[in-house]
Amino acid sequence: MNATHEKGDLSRRLYAGPGYAETEAPAKKTKVGWIFPLWGRPEVFRLVLENFVQVRHKLKDLFEMVAICIRSPEDETPWDGLDWFWKEVETGGVLEVVYSNEVMGPKWNEGFLMALQWGADVVLQMGSDNLISWPYVERAVSNVIAGRPIVGIKQCVFFNWSTSATGIVYPKRNPFGYGPGRFYSSDVLDRLGWTPYPSNARRRMEAHIGQNLKSIGLERAHLFDMVFGPGADEVNQIVVDLKTGVSMNDFDAARKRRIRNKEWTDSPKGLGVRMFPDLSWPVEFQKYLTRWVETQNDTSERRN
């Protein structure tokens, strides 16, 4: 548990797990919509969707969750032939939206509007290359239920898909934290008309949404530090950004820019994989998963 966590925080009671919170859970489950704008890299998104399914199952007694996936007609990725994707669509775990990728603002907004149509109480902003831990999801949604309009993270792990290099990012200048892993209450989105991005937003997406949040009187999010331990169930709050060669901001470019702004710390190679040992990682990452198993009881692996 984060030592700086505020007293009386509802998530203190929920952190022990879904079973512990049964007497405190509302009669109607809170509906949480996860938004994923898709573009290429199905091998990465397959892991991301698997992560979503695991979190949804872990928290099924507390929350109802759906993944809102926004595909684009310009994308040449053969999504139609990917059985693992359509299985989730058919079972209702994924809501598919088709919208142009030409301007990113409206594409993101289409996902938020679908969340409104679905009846979301809370919306989680994610990327198609981001992983997130269930304890953080549980704590963040609990804080939104308790009255915090936005909840986000202060830190994020960047993981280089090609080399397994890892770095921890500290977005110090953003009062709303790192974009992926940010939770919005329906009240905030009502005030934004469920379209938090300007219609002309192409780049610098965080700056655009930050300006809109400030325009309705919000100055900051309730931010969590990232804390993780040696065992999978001890992962407290964590978001991993999987960087590939076709990422909008690749690993090396992000590292160079963040180091210049003193927002980056190099971390153990392969850390991004070891935080999520239960996912079906490609075979070339097995050595990092093996190291996780060997060290999961070693408290010296704990880092802040």
Protein backbone atom coordinates (compact mmCIF):
# COMPACT_ATOMS: atom_id res chain seq x y z
CA MET A 1 0.00 0.00 0.00
CA ASN A 2 1.27 3.43 -0.90
CA ALA A 3 2.52 5.11 2.28
CA THR A 4 1.14 8.45 1.10
CA HIS A 5 -2.37 7.11 0.58
CA GLU A 6 -4.93 9.43 2.19
CA LYS A 7 -6.78 8.37 5.35
CA GLY A 8 -10.34 7.27 4.87
CA ASP A 9 -9.77 6.40 1.24
CA LEU A 10 -12.36 3.85 0.13
CA SER A 11 -9.70 1.91 -1.75
CA ARG A 12 -7.98 1.04 1.54
CA ARG A 13 -10.93 -1.22 2.26
CA LEU A 14 -11.14 -2.58 -1.28
CA TYR A 15 -7.45 -3.32 -1.75
CA ALA A 16 -7.66 -6.68 0.04
CA GLY A 17 -9.59 -8.02 -2.96
CA PRO A 18 -13.13 -8.36 -4.28
CA GLY A 19 -14.24 -10.84 -1.60
CA TYR A 20 -13.24 -8.49 1.20
CA ALA A 21 -15.39 -5.69 -0.18
CA GLU A 22 -18.62 -7.60 -0.74
CA THR A 23 -20.47 -5.89 2.11
CA GLU A 24 -19.42 -2.45 0.88
CA ALA A 25 -20.05 -2.91 -2.84
CA PRO A 26 -23.13 -1.12 -4.19
CA ALA A 27 -26.15 -3.22 -5.19
CA LYS A 28 -25.66 -2.11 -8.79
CA LYS A 29 -22.20 -2.76 -10.17
CA THR A 30 -20.23 0.26 -11.34
CA LYS A 31 -19.82 0.16 -15.12
CA VAL A 32 -16.27 0.84 -16.33
CA GLY A 33 -15.59 1.40 -20.02
CA TRP A 34 -12.00 0.94 -21.25
CA ILE A 35 -11.16 2.84 -24.45
CA PHE A 36 -8.62 1.46 -26.95
CA PRO A 37 -7.99 3.23 -30.28
CA LEU A 38 -6.53 0.56 -32.58
CA TRP A 39 -3.98 0.90 -35.37
CA GLY A 40 -1.84 -2.06 -36.44
CA ARG A 41 0.32 -4.17 -34.12
CA PRO A 42 -2.20 -6.98 -33.46
CA GLU A 43 0.56 -9.01 -31.76
CA VAL A 44 0.79 -6.26 -29.13
CA PHE A 45 -2.92 -5.66 -28.77
CA ARG A 46 -3.53 -9.38 -28.25
CA LEU A 47 -1.55 -9.10 -25.00
CA VAL A 48 -3.40 -5.90 -24.10
CA LEU A 49 -6.79 -7.51 -24.63
CA GLU A 50 -5.71 -10.58 -22.66
CA ASN A 51 -4.74 -8.22 -19.82
CA PHE A 52 -8.19 -6.59 -19.98
CA VAL A 53 -9.91 -10.00 -19.80
CA GLN A 54 -7.84 -10.96 -16.76
CA VAL A 55 -8.63 -7.72 -14.92
CA ARG A 56 -12.32 -7.98 -15.79
CA HIS A 57 -12.44 -11.51 -14.38
CA LYS A 58 -10.50 -10.56 -11.23
CA LEU A 59 -12.90 -7.71 -10.43
CA LYS A 60 -16.13 -9.22 -11.76
CA ASP A 61 -17.77 -9.19 -8.32
CA LEU A 62 -17.27 -5.43 -8.03
CA PHE A 63 -17.46 -3.88 -11.49
CA GLU A 64 -18.93 -4.49 -14.93
CA MET A 65 -16.34 -3.81 -17.64
CA VAL A 66 -16.20 -3.57 -21.40
CA ALA A 67 -13.39 -2.81 -23.86
CA ILE A 68 -14.34 -0.19 -26.46
CA CYS A 69 -12.10 -0.78 -29.48
CA ILE A 70 -12.01 1.85 -32.20
CA ARG A 71 -10.87 0.46 -35.54
CA SER A 72 -10.21 2.62 -38.62
CA PRO A 73 -11.07 1.89 -42.26
CA GLU A 74 -7.59 3.10 -43.31
CA ASP A 75 -5.90 0.47 -41.15
CA GLU A 76 -4.64 -2.43 -43.30
CA THR A 77 -4.40 -4.77 -40.31
CA PRO A 78 -6.49 -7.92 -41.00
CA TRP A 79 -8.63 -7.53 -37.88
CA ASP A 80 -11.48 -9.41 -39.59
CA GLY A 81 -9.40 -12.59 -39.53
CA LEU A 82 -8.30 -12.48 -35.90
CA ASP A 83 -10.43 -15.01 -34.04
CA TRP A 84 -9.21 -13.96 -30.56
CA PHE A 85 -10.53 -10.43 -31.21
CA TRP A 86 -13.95 -11.44 -32.54
CA LYS A 87 -14.44 -13.97 -29.77
CA GLU A 88 -14.52 -11.08 -27.30
CA VAL A 89 -16.79 -9.06 -29.59
CA GLU A 90 -19.26 -11.96 -29.81
CA THR A 91 -19.29 -12.51 -26.05
CA GLY A 92 -19.84 -8.82 -25.33
CA GLY A 93 -16.44 -8.19 -23.79
CA VAL A 94 -15.54 -5.86 -26.66
CA LEU A 95 -17.64 -3.16 -28.28
CA GLU A 96 -16.31 -2.45 -31.77
CA VAL A 97 -16.40 1.07 -33.20
CA VAL A 98 -15.21 2.07 -36.69
CA TYR A 99 -13.94 5.61 -37.17
CA SER A 100 -11.37 7.37 -39.31
CA ASN A 101 -7.80 7.69 -38.01
CA GLU A 102 -7.15 10.91 -39.96
CA VAL A 103 -7.64 13.15 -36.91
CA MET A 104 -7.04 11.57 -33.51
CA GLY A 105 -9.29 13.86 -31.46
CA PRO A 106 -12.58 12.76 -33.06
CA LYS A 107 -11.44 9.12 -33.04
CA TRP A 108 -10.89 9.23 -29.27
CA ASN A 109 -14.17 11.12 -28.81
CA GLU A 110 -16.03 8.37 -30.67
CA GLY A 111 -14.83 5.92 -28.03
CA PHE A 112 -16.02 8.17 -25.20
CA LEU A 113 -19.42 8.57 -26.89
CA MET A 114 -19.74 4.80 -27.16
CA ALA A 115 -18.97 4.59 -23.43
CA LEU A 116 -21.83 7.04 -22.84
CA GLN A 117 -24.17 4.91 -24.98
CA TRP A 118 -23.14 1.81 -23.03
CA GLY A 119 -23.95 3.61 -19.76
CA ALA A 120 -20.46 3.89 -18.28
CA ASP A 121 -20.12 5.33 -14.78
CA VAL A 122 -16.33 5.51 -15.15
CA VAL A 123 -14.16 5.63 -18.27
CA LEU A 124 -10.58 4.37 -18.39
CA GLN A 125 -8.37 5.90 -21.06
CA MET A 126 -5.93 3.33 -22.45
CA GLY A 127 -3.85 2.75 -25.56
CA SER A 128 -3.64 -0.32 -27.74
CA ASP A 129 -0.13 -0.92 -26.35
CA ASN A 130 -0.77 -0.43 -22.62
CA LEU A 131 -1.02 -2.98 -19.80
CA ILE A 132 -2.54 -2.24 -16.40
CA SER A 133 -2.73 -4.13 -13.08
CA TRP A 134 -5.99 -5.09 -11.42
CA PRO A 135 -5.14 -3.62 -7.97
CA TYR A 136 -4.64 -0.20 -9.54
CA VAL A 137 -7.92 -0.50 -11.49
CA GLU A 138 -9.69 -1.48 -8.27
CA ARG A 139 -8.22 1.40 -6.28
CA ALA A 140 -8.76 3.97 -9.01
CA VAL A 141 -12.42 3.11 -9.63
CA SER A 142 -13.01 3.03 -5.87
CA ASN A 143 -11.63 6.56 -5.63
CA VAL A 144 -13.92 7.76 -8.43
CA ILE A 145 -16.88 6.18 -6.61
CA ALA A 146 -15.74 8.01 -3.46
CA GLY A 147 -16.05 11.34 -5.28
CA ARG A 148 -12.75 12.05 -7.02
CA PRO A 149 -13.50 13.26 -10.57
CA ILE A 150 -10.23 12.07 -12.16
CA VAL A 151 -7.68 9.50 -11.00
CA GLY A 152 -4.35 8.87 -12.68
CA ILE A 153 -0.75 7.77 -12.19
CA LYS A 154 2.44 9.70 -11.58
CA GLN A 155 4.68 7.11 -13.21
CA CYS A 156 4.63 4.60 -16.05
CA VAL A 157 6.97 1.86 -17.25
CA PHE A 158 8.08 2.09 -20.89
CA PHE A 159 9.08 -1.29 -22.32
CA ASN A 160 10.98 -1.70 -25.59
CA TRP A 161 9.33 -4.63 -27.39
CA SER A 162 12.44 -5.21 -29.54
CA THR A 163 15.25 -5.06 -26.96
CA SER A 164 13.46 -5.57 -23.60
CA ALA A 165 15.02 -2.33 -22.33
CA THR A 166 12.87 -0.62 -19.71
CA GLY A 167 12.55 2.86 -18.24
CA ILE A 168 10.27 4.51 -15.70
CA VAL A 169 8.66 7.76 -16.83
CA TYR A 170 7.69 10.58 -14.47
CA PRO A 171 5.43 13.11 -16.27
CA LYS A 172 6.19 15.89 -13.79
CA ARG A 173 4.66 18.74 -15.76
CA ASN A 174 1.24 17.20 -16.29
CA PRO A 175 -1.13 17.85 -13.36
CA PHE A 176 -3.40 15.08 -14.63
CA GLY A 177 -0.71 12.42 -14.72
CA TYR A 178 0.17 10.02 -17.51
CA GLY A 179 -2.60 9.62 -20.11
CA PRO A 180 -3.00 5.83 -20.26
CA GLY A 181 -4.38 4.62 -16.94
CA ARG A 182 -6.42 7.78 -16.31
CA PHE A 183 -9.96 7.30 -15.01
CA TYR A 184 -12.74 9.84 -15.61
CA SER A 185 -16.02 10.08 -13.72
CA SER A 186 -19.21 10.35 -15.74
CA ASP A 187 -19.82 13.74 -14.08
CA VAL A 188 -16.62 15.16 -15.57
CA LEU A 189 -17.44 13.71 -18.98
CA ASP A 190 -20.96 15.15 -18.78
CA ARG A 191 -19.39 18.59 -18.36
CA LEU A 192 -17.23 17.93 -21.42
CA GLY A 193 -20.12 16.65 -23.50
CA TRP A 194 -18.38 13.24 -23.58
CA THR A 195 -16.02 14.71 -26.17
CA PRO A 196 -12.89 15.58 -24.16
CA TYR A 197 -10.71 16.20 -27.23
CA PRO A 198 -11.01 19.13 -29.66
CA SER A 199 -12.18 18.11 -33.13
CA ASN A 200 -8.90 19.34 -34.66
CA ALA A 201 -6.55 17.54 -32.23
CA ARG A 202 -3.93 15.64 -34.25
CA ARG A 203 -0.85 15.61 -32.00
CA ARG A 204 0.03 16.62 -28.42
CA MET A 205 -3.13 14.89 -27.25
CA GLU A 206 -2.35 15.29 -23.56
CA ALA A 207 -1.99 19.04 -23.91
CA HIS A 208 -5.38 19.26 -25.63
CA ILE A 209 -7.26 17.24 -23.05
CA GLY A 210 -5.45 19.07 -20.24
CA GLN A 211 -6.67 22.42 -21.55
CA ASN A 212 -10.24 21.14 -21.76
CA LEU A 213 -10.12 19.79 -18.21
CA LYS A 214 -8.82 23.11 -16.92
CA SER A 215 -11.57 24.93 -18.83
CA ILE A 216 -14.20 23.22 -16.64
CA GLY A 217 -12.35 24.14 -13.45
CA LEU A 218 -10.19 21.06 -12.86
CA GLU A 219 -6.61 21.80 -11.89
CA ARG A 220 -5.26 18.35 -11.10
CA ALA A 221 -6.05 14.66 -10.79
CA HIS A 222 -5.81 12.50 -7.71
CA LEU A 223 -2.49 10.87 -8.55
CA PHE A 224 -0.99 7.62 -7.36
CA ASP A 225 2.69 6.78 -7.20
CA MET A 226 3.64 3.54 -8.87
CA VAL A 227 4.46 0.86 -6.29
CA PHE A 228 5.26 -2.74 -7.12
CA GLY A 229 6.61 -5.79 -5.33
CA PRO A 230 8.13 -9.15 -6.18
CA GLY A 231 4.94 -11.24 -6.42
CA ALA A 232 2.32 -10.83 -9.15
CA ASP A 233 -0.46 -10.22 -6.63
CA GLU A 234 1.66 -7.60 -4.88
CA VAL A 235 1.71 -5.36 -7.94
CA ASN A 236 -0.01 -2.32 -6.54
CA GLN A 237 -0.27 0.35 -9.20
CA ILE A 238 1.31 -0.15 -12.57
CA VAL A 239 0.84 0.77 -16.21
CA VAL A 240 3.24 -0.49 -18.86
CA ASP A 241 3.55 1.18 -22.27
CA LEU A 242 4.78 -1.38 -24.85
CA LYS A 243 6.92 0.47 -27.38
CA THR A 244 7.48 -1.00 -30.84
CA GLY A 245 9.22 0.31 -33.94
CA VAL A 246 5.94 1.68 -35.30
CA SER A 247 4.81 3.45 -32.12
CA MET A 248 3.84 7.10 -32.59
CA ASN A 249 6.60 7.91 -30.08
CA ASP A 250 9.09 5.05 -30.07
CA PHE A 251 11.16 3.99 -27.07
CA ASP A 252 14.45 5.66 -28.01
CA ALA A 253 12.82 8.97 -28.94
CA ALA A 254 10.74 8.98 -25.76
CA ARG A 255 13.79 8.16 -23.65
CA LYS A 256 15.85 10.97 -25.17
CA ARG A 257 13.09 13.54 -24.70
CA ARG A 258 12.22 12.45 -21.15
CA ILE A 259 15.85 12.33 -20.03
CA ARG A 260 16.29 15.89 -21.27
CA ASN A 261 13.27 16.91 -19.17
CA LYS A 262 14.48 14.82 -16.18
CA GLU A 263 11.39 12.63 -16.41
CA TRP A 264 13.11 9.27 -16.99
CA THR A 265 14.94 6.62 -14.95
CA ASP A 266 16.46 3.52 -16.54
CA SER A 267 15.25 0.34 -14.83
CA PRO A 268 16.13 -3.38 -14.93
CA LYS A 269 15.96 -4.89 -18.39
CA GLY A 270 12.75 -6.81 -18.92
CA LEU A 271 10.90 -5.23 -16.00
CA GLY A 272 7.88 -4.52 -18.21
CA VAL A 273 7.46 -8.24 -18.87
CA ARG A 274 8.07 -9.35 -15.30
CA MET A 275 5.27 -7.17 -13.99
CA PHE A 276 2.74 -9.26 -15.92
CA PRO A 277 3.99 -12.87 -15.72
CA ASP A 278 0.58 -14.44 -16.40
CA LEU A 279 0.16 -13.04 -19.91
CA SER A 280 0.91 -15.09 -23.01
CA TRP A 281 4.14 -13.34 -23.96
CA PRO A 282 5.98 -14.42 -27.14
CA VAL A 283 8.58 -17.11 -26.61
CA GLU A 284 11.53 -14.70 -26.85
CA PHE A 285 10.48 -13.14 -23.54
CA GLN A 286 10.41 -16.39 -21.56
CA LYS A 287 13.82 -15.77 -19.96
CA TYR A 288 12.42 -12.67 -18.23
CA LEU A 289 9.41 -14.59 -16.97
CA THR A 290 11.77 -17.26 -15.62
CA ARG A 291 13.74 -14.65 -13.72
CA TRP A 292 10.48 -13.39 -12.21
CA VAL A 293 9.65 -16.84 -10.85
CA GLU A 294 13.15 -17.24 -9.40
CA THR A 295 13.02 -13.90 -7.57
CA GLN A 296 9.36 -13.52 -6.61
CA ASN A 297 10.12 -14.21 -2.94
CA ASP A 298 13.17 -11.94 -2.84
CA THR A 299 12.16 -8.67 -1.19
CA SER A 300 15.25 -6.98 -2.59
CA GLU A 301 13.41 -6.90 -5.93
CA ARG A 302 10.97 -4.34 -4.56
CA ARG A 303 11.57 -0.93 -6.08
CA ASN A 304 9.95 2.49 -5.87
